Amino acid sequence: MILGGHDIVKIGVALFICLPVARVALLLVIFLGERDYAYVAISGLVLAIIGAGVLLGL
């Protein structure tokens, strides 16, 4: 299957959206491992805000 220019742009946009979300999720797991609960709460709040934005944006 050959990807067209529009498909490549869609993949790039999806990566730009997913990578910061994945970074916050990974940091949440790391902070849980370090038992740094203040940063766990902040990371969870950020993920909740992103999730609410995605749900309301649909």
PDB file of N, CA and C in Angstrom:
ATOM      1  N   MET A   1       0.835  -1.178   0.000  1.00  0.00           N
ATOM      2  CA  MET A   1       0.000   0.000   0.000  1.00  0.00           C
ATOM      3  C   MET A   1       0.886   1.249   0.000  1.00  0.00           C
ATOM      4  N   ILE A   2       0.609   2.135  -0.910  1.00  0.00           N
ATOM      5  CA  ILE A   2       1.388   3.358  -1.051  1.00  0.00           C
ATOM      6  C   ILE A   2       0.634   4.502  -0.374  1.00  0.00           C
ATOM      7  N   LEU A   3       1.349   5.233   0.465  1.00  0.00           N
ATOM      8  CA  LEU A   3       0.738   6.356   1.181  1.00  0.00           C
ATOM      9  C   LEU A   3       0.834   7.617   0.337  1.00  0.00           C
ATOM     10  N   GLY A   4      -0.271   8.337   0.259  1.00  0.00           N
ATOM     11  CA  GLY A   4      -0.270   9.614  -0.429  1.00  0.00           C
ATOM     12  C   GLY A   4       0.181  10.723   0.500  1.00  0.00           C
ATOM     13  N   GLY A   5       0.330  11.905  -0.044  1.00  0.00           N
ATOM     14  CA  GLY A   5       0.776  13.051   0.749  1.00  0.00           C
ATOM     15  C   GLY A   5      -0.177  13.389   1.887  1.00  0.00           C
ATOM     16  N   HIS A   6      -1.477  13.266   1.612  1.00  0.00           N
ATOM     17  CA  HIS A   6      -2.481  13.571   2.640  1.00  0.00           C
ATOM     18  C   HIS A   6      -2.396  12.578   3.792  1.00  0.00           C
ATOM     19  N   ASP A   7      -2.141  11.315   3.479  1.00  0.00           N
ATOM     20  CA  ASP A   7      -2.015  10.289   4.522  1.00  0.00           C
ATOM     21  C   ASP A   7      -0.803  10.546   5.408  1.00  0.00           C
ATOM     22  N   ILE A   8       0.282  10.968   4.805  1.00  0.00           N
ATOM     23  CA  ILE A   8       1.501  11.245   5.573  1.00  0.00           C
ATOM     24  C   ILE A   8       1.284  12.431   6.502  1.00  0.00           C
ATOM     25  N   VAL A   9       0.577  13.446   6.027  1.00  0.00           N
ATOM     26  CA  VAL A   9       0.278  14.605   6.861  1.00  0.00           C
ATOM     27  C   VAL A   9      -0.613  14.202   8.029  1.00  0.00           C
ATOM     28  N   LYS A  10      -1.605  13.355   7.782  1.00  0.00           N
ATOM     29  CA  LYS A  10      -2.481  12.892   8.863  1.00  0.00           C
ATOM     30  C   LYS A  10      -1.694  12.117   9.911  1.00  0.00           C
ATOM     31  N   ILE A  11      -0.761  11.283   9.483  1.00  0.00           N
ATOM     32  CA  ILE A  11       0.077  10.535  10.421  1.00  0.00           C
ATOM     33  C   ILE A  11       0.943  11.494  11.238  1.00  0.00           C
ATOM     34  N   GLY A  12       1.495  12.515  10.595  1.00  0.00           N
ATOM     35  CA  GLY A  12       2.317  13.497  11.297  1.00  0.00           C
ATOM     36  C   GLY A  12       1.529  14.261  12.344  1.00  0.00           C
ATOM     37  N   VAL A  13       0.313  14.661  12.000  1.00  0.00           N
ATOM     38  CA  VAL A  13      -0.532  15.381  12.954  1.00  0.00           C
ATOM     39  C   VAL A  13      -0.882  14.471  14.126  1.00  0.00           C
ATOM     40  N   ALA A  14      -1.190  13.213  13.850  1.00  0.00           N
ATOM     41  CA  ALA A  14      -1.501  12.262  14.917  1.00  0.00           C
ATOM     42  C   ALA A  14      -0.304  12.091  15.854  1.00  0.00           C
ATOM     43  N   LEU A  15       0.898  12.051  15.308  1.00  0.00           N
ATOM     44  CA  LEU A  15       2.095  11.939  16.147  1.00  0.00           C
ATOM     45  C   LEU A  15       2.283  13.176  17.017  1.00  0.00           C
ATOM     46  N   PHE A  16       2.055  14.356  16.438  1.00  0.00           N
ATOM     47  CA  PHE A  16       2.190  15.587  17.219  1.00  0.00           C
ATOM     48  C   PHE A  16       1.184  15.638  18.354  1.00  0.00           C
ATOM     49  N   ILE A  17       0.031  15.014  18.194  1.00  0.00           N
ATOM     50  CA  ILE A  17      -0.973  14.981  19.249  1.00  0.00           C
ATOM     51  C   ILE A  17      -0.642  13.908  20.279  1.00  0.00           C
ATOM     52  N   CYS A  18      -0.236  12.740  19.827  1.00  0.00           N
ATOM     53  CA  CYS A  18      -0.051  11.588  20.721  1.00  0.00           C
ATOM     54  C   CYS A  18       1.228  11.652  21.558  1.00  0.00           C
ATOM     55  N   LEU A  19       2.294  12.203  21.025  1.00  0.00           N
ATOM     56  CA  LEU A  19       3.561  12.174  21.760  1.00  0.00           C
ATOM     57  C   LEU A  19       3.518  12.947  23.081  1.00  0.00           C
ATOM     58  N   PRO A  20       2.977  14.160  23.142  1.00  0.00           N
ATOM     59  CA  PRO A  20       2.915  14.832  24.445  1.00  0.00           C
ATOM     60  C   PRO A  20       2.013  14.108  25.443  1.00  0.00           C
ATOM     61  N   VAL A  21       0.921  13.525  24.950  1.00  0.00           N
ATOM     62  CA  VAL A  21       0.027  12.771  25.833  1.00  0.00           C
ATOM     63  C   VAL A  21       0.757  11.548  26.376  1.00  0.00           C
ATOM     64  N   ALA A  22       1.492  10.859  25.522  1.00  0.00           N
ATOM     65  CA  ALA A  22       2.259   9.695  25.958  1.00  0.00           C
ATOM     66  C   ALA A  22       3.337  10.102  26.963  1.00  0.00           C
ATOM     67  N   ARG A  23       3.931  11.267  26.752  1.00  0.00           N
ATOM     68  CA  ARG A  23       4.966  11.731  27.679  1.00  0.00           C
ATOM     69  C   ARG A  23       4.388  11.988  29.057  1.00  0.00           C
ATOM     70  N   VAL A  24       3.228  12.634  29.124  1.00  0.00           N
ATOM     71  CA  VAL A  24       2.594  12.908  30.415  1.00  0.00           C
ATOM     72  C   VAL A  24       2.202  11.597  31.096  1.00  0.00           C
ATOM     73  N   ALA A  25       1.663  10.646  30.331  1.00  0.00           N
ATOM     74  CA  ALA A  25       1.282   9.347  30.899  1.00  0.00           C
ATOM     75  C   ALA A  25       2.512   8.611  31.432  1.00  0.00           C
ATOM     76  N   LEU A  26       3.602   8.649  30.694  1.00  0.00           N
ATOM     77  CA  LEU A  26       4.833   7.995  31.143  1.00  0.00           C
ATOM     78  C   LEU A  26       5.373   8.666  32.407  1.00  0.00           C
ATOM     79  N   LEU A  27       5.328   9.986  32.448  1.00  0.00           N
ATOM     80  CA  LEU A  27       5.792  10.693  33.646  1.00  0.00           C
ATOM     81  C   LEU A  27       4.927  10.360  34.854  1.00  0.00           C
ATOM     82  N   LEU A  28       3.622  10.200  34.633  1.00  0.00           N
ATOM     83  CA  LEU A  28       2.738   9.812  35.737  1.00  0.00           C
ATOM     84  C   LEU A  28       3.184   8.474  36.323  1.00  0.00           C
ATOM     85  N   VAL A  29       3.506   7.520  35.462  1.00  0.00           N
ATOM     86  CA  VAL A  29       3.957   6.198  35.929  1.00  0.00           C
ATOM     87  C   VAL A  29       5.294   6.322  36.661  1.00  0.00           C
ATOM     88  N   ILE A  30       6.187   7.136  36.125  1.00  0.00           N
ATOM     89  CA  ILE A  30       7.494   7.317  36.773  1.00  0.00           C
ATOM     90  C   ILE A  30       7.325   7.969  38.145  1.00  0.00           C
ATOM     91  N   PHE A  31       6.472   8.997  38.232  1.00  0.00           N
ATOM     92  CA  PHE A  31       6.250   9.653  39.515  1.00  0.00           C
ATOM     93  C   PHE A  31       5.596   8.710  40.519  1.00  0.00           C
ATOM     94  N   LEU A  32       4.717   7.832  40.036  1.00  0.00           N
ATOM     95  CA  LEU A  32       4.131   6.826  40.939  1.00  0.00           C
ATOM     96  C   LEU A  32       5.214   5.917  41.496  1.00  0.00           C
ATOM     97  N   GLY A  33       6.136   5.518  40.646  1.00  0.00           N
ATOM     98  CA  GLY A  33       7.231   4.661  41.086  1.00  0.00           C
ATOM     99  C   GLY A  33       8.130   5.336  42.106  1.00  0.00           C
ATOM    100  N   GLU A  34       8.285   6.642  41.965  1.00  0.00           N
ATOM    101  CA  GLU A  34       9.116   7.392  42.898  1.00  0.00           C
ATOM    102  C   GLU A  34       8.332   7.865  44.125  1.00  0.00           C
ATOM    103  N   ARG A  35       7.033   7.562  44.161  1.00  0.00           N
ATOM    104  CA  ARG A  35       6.133   7.965  45.245  1.00  0.00           C
ATOM    105  C   ARG A  35       6.121   9.480  45.449  1.00  0.00           C
ATOM    106  N   ASP A  36       6.160  10.195  44.328  1.00  0.00           N
ATOM    107  CA  ASP A  36       6.085  11.657  44.354  1.00  0.00           C
ATOM    108  C   ASP A  36       4.648  12.037  44.007  1.00  0.00           C
ATOM    109  N   TYR A  37       3.797  12.004  45.026  1.00  0.00           N
ATOM    110  CA  TYR A  37       2.360  12.082  44.809  1.00  0.00           C
ATOM    111  C   TYR A  37       1.876  13.464  44.364  1.00  0.00           C
ATOM    112  N   ALA A  38       2.628  14.495  44.656  1.00  0.00           N
ATOM    113  CA  ALA A  38       2.230  15.824  44.173  1.00  0.00           C
ATOM    114  C   ALA A  38       2.299  15.862  42.650  1.00  0.00           C
ATOM    115  N   TYR A  39       3.381  15.318  42.097  1.00  0.00           N
ATOM    116  CA  TYR A  39       3.519  15.299  40.644  1.00  0.00           C
ATOM    117  C   TYR A  39       2.601  14.272  39.998  1.00  0.00           C
ATOM    118  N   VAL A  40       2.268  13.213  40.714  1.00  0.00           N
ATOM    119  CA  VAL A  40       1.274  12.258  40.215  1.00  0.00           C
ATOM    120  C   VAL A  40      -0.066  12.963  40.057  1.00  0.00           C
ATOM    121  N   ALA A  41      -0.436  13.763  41.054  1.00  0.00           N
ATOM    122  CA  ALA A  41      -1.701  14.492  40.985  1.00  0.00           C
ATOM    123  C   ALA A  41      -1.697  15.501  39.841  1.00  0.00           C
ATOM    124  N   ILE A  42      -0.588  16.196  39.666  1.00  0.00           N
ATOM    125  CA  ILE A  42      -0.495  17.179  38.584  1.00  0.00           C
ATOM    126  C   ILE A  42      -0.573  16.484  37.231  1.00  0.00           C
ATOM    127  N   SER A  43       0.155  15.389  37.078  1.00  0.00           N
ATOM    128  CA  SER A  43       0.127  14.656  35.814  1.00  0.00           C
ATOM    129  C   SER A  43      -1.262  14.085  35.538  1.00  0.00           C
ATOM    130  N   GLY A  44      -1.902  13.576  36.574  1.00  0.00           N
ATOM    131  CA  GLY A  44      -3.259  13.056  36.401  1.00  0.00           C
ATOM    132  C   GLY A  44      -4.234  14.151  36.008  1.00  0.00           C
ATOM    133  N   LEU A  45      -4.069  15.333  36.603  1.00  0.00           N
ATOM    134  CA  LEU A  45      -4.926  16.459  36.252  1.00  0.00           C
ATOM    135  C   LEU A  45      -4.713  16.877  34.799  1.00  0.00           C
ATOM    136  N   VAL A  46      -3.468  16.911  34.368  1.00  0.00           N
ATOM    137  CA  VAL A  46      -3.169  17.267  32.984  1.00  0.00           C
ATOM    138  C   VAL A  46      -3.789  16.247  32.029  1.00  0.00           C
ATOM    139  N   LEU A  47      -3.666  14.959  32.346  1.00  0.00           N
ATOM    140  CA  LEU A  47      -4.280  13.930  31.495  1.00  0.00           C
ATOM    141  C   LEU A  47      -5.795  14.046  31.485  1.00  0.00           C
ATOM    142  N   ALA A  48      -6.382  14.384  32.638  1.00  0.00           N
ATOM    143  CA  ALA A  48      -7.833  14.554  32.697  1.00  0.00           C
ATOM    144  C   ALA A  48      -8.282  15.745  31.847  1.00  0.00           C
ATOM    145  N   ILE A  49      -7.527  16.821  31.878  1.00  0.00           N
ATOM    146  CA  ILE A  49      -7.847  17.999  31.073  1.00  0.00           C
ATOM    147  C   ILE A  49      -7.736  17.663  29.584  1.00  0.00           C
ATOM    148  N   ILE A  50      -6.687  16.965  29.212  1.00  0.00           N
ATOM    149  CA  ILE A  50      -6.533  16.566  27.812  1.00  0.00           C
ATOM    150  C   ILE A  50      -7.666  15.651  27.386  1.00  0.00           C
ATOM    151  N   GLY A  51      -8.008  14.685  28.247  1.00  0.00           N
ATOM    152  CA  GLY A  51      -9.103  13.775  27.932  1.00  0.00           C
ATOM    153  C   GLY A  51     -10.432  14.490  27.798  1.00  0.00           C
ATOM    154  N   ALA A  52     -10.684  15.447  28.691  1.00  0.00           N
ATOM    155  CA  ALA A  52     -11.931  16.211  28.607  1.00  0.00           C
ATOM    156  C   ALA A  52     -11.966  17.036  27.325  1.00  0.00           C
ATOM    157  N   GLY A  53     -10.831  17.594  26.960  1.00  0.00           N
ATOM    158  CA  GLY A  53     -10.759  18.351  25.724  1.00  0.00           C
ATOM    159  C   GLY A  53     -11.021  17.498  24.500  1.00  0.00           C
ATOM    160  N   VAL A  54     -10.493  16.287  24.517  1.00  0.00           N
ATOM    161  CA  VAL A  54     -10.734  15.371  23.394  1.00  0.00           C
ATOM    162  C   VAL A  54     -12.204  14.984  23.332  1.00  0.00           C
ATOM    163  N   LEU A  55     -12.788  14.647  24.475  1.00  0.00           N
ATOM    164  CA  LEU A  55     -14.190  14.248  24.489  1.00  0.00           C
ATOM    165  C   LEU A  55     -15.119  15.387  24.097  1.00  0.00           C
ATOM    166  N   LEU A  56     -14.847  16.579  24.578  1.00  0.00           N
ATOM    167  CA  LEU A  56     -15.703  17.724  24.251  1.00  0.00           C
ATOM    168  C   LEU A  56     -15.468  18.200  22.824  1.00  0.00           C
ATOM    169  N   GLY A  57     -14.295  17.921  22.318  1.00  0.00           N
ATOM    170  CA  GLY A  57     -13.975  18.323  20.948  1.00  0.00           C
ATOM    171  C   GLY A  57     -14.596  17.415  19.901  1.00  0.00           C
ATOM    172  N   LEU A  58     -15.034  16.229  20.324  1.00  0.00           N
ATOM    173  CA  LEU A  58     -15.656  15.320  19.359  1.00  0.00           C
ATOM    174  C   LEU A  58     -17.054  15.782  19.124  1.00  0.00           C
TER     175      LEU A  58
END
